[in-house]
Amino acid sequence: MSLSSHLEQLKKKHQHLSEHVESMQRSPATDDIELAKLKKQKLMLKEEITRLSTH
């Protein structure tokens, strides 16, 4: 897998997580622990994308 395709895949995962987090935040019955886990995954993806983009 090339670097650009890997970055594209990471960006899609990040976007999907972002949409899921937003959806959960609009729901009154949101599990705060699950939401925190998703936000952490999203942040880790963002950091990986940034790291790979700068190298």
Protein backbone atom coordinates (compact mmCIF):
# COMPACT_ATOMS: atom_id res chain seq x y z
CA MET A 1 0.00 0.00 0.00
CA SER A 2 1.41 3.36 -0.96
CA LEU A 3 1.72 6.19 1.52
CA SER A 4 -0.88 8.31 -0.24
CA SER A 5 -3.47 5.52 -0.27
CA HIS A 6 -2.74 4.78 3.39
CA LEU A 7 -3.22 8.47 4.24
CA GLU A 8 -6.47 8.52 2.30
CA GLN A 9 -7.70 5.48 4.20
CA LEU A 10 -6.80 7.10 7.54
CA LYS A 11 -8.61 10.30 6.54
CA LYS A 12 -11.75 8.32 5.67
CA LYS A 13 -11.65 6.55 9.04
CA HIS A 14 -11.20 9.92 10.76
CA GLN A 15 -14.16 11.39 8.89
CA HIS A 16 -16.34 8.38 9.75
CA LEU A 17 -15.41 8.67 13.44
CA SER A 18 -16.08 12.39 13.35
CA GLU A 19 -19.57 11.83 11.97
CA HIS A 20 -20.24 9.10 14.54
CA VAL A 21 -19.07 11.33 17.42
CA GLU A 22 -21.28 14.18 16.22
CA SER A 23 -24.24 11.83 15.97
CA MET A 24 -23.65 10.52 19.49
CA GLN A 25 -23.36 14.03 20.89
CA ARG A 26 -26.82 14.88 19.52
CA SER A 27 -28.35 11.83 21.19
CA PRO A 28 -29.64 12.30 24.74
CA ALA A 29 -28.78 8.70 25.71
CA THR A 30 -25.09 8.92 24.88
CA ASP A 31 -22.63 6.66 26.68
CA ASP A 32 -19.96 9.10 27.87
CA ILE A 33 -17.29 6.40 28.15
CA GLU A 34 -17.89 5.19 24.60
CA LEU A 35 -17.89 8.79 23.36
CA ALA A 36 -14.55 9.42 25.09
CA LYS A 37 -13.06 6.28 23.49
CA LEU A 38 -14.20 7.39 20.04
CA LYS A 39 -12.78 10.86 20.56
CA LYS A 40 -9.46 9.36 21.62
CA GLN A 41 -9.39 7.13 18.51
CA LYS A 42 -10.19 10.15 16.37
CA LEU A 43 -7.33 12.13 17.95
CA MET A 44 -4.90 9.25 17.46
CA LEU A 45 -5.88 9.02 13.78
CA LYS A 46 -5.43 12.77 13.36
CA GLU A 47 -1.97 12.60 14.93
CA GLU A 48 -0.99 9.68 12.67
CA ILE A 49 -2.24 11.56 9.59
CA THR A 50 -0.24 14.63 10.62
CA ARG A 51 2.86 12.57 11.34
CA LEU A 52 2.73 10.79 7.99
CA SER A 53 1.93 13.97 6.08
CA THR A 54 5.00 15.78 7.38
CA HIS A 55 7.45 12.99 6.51
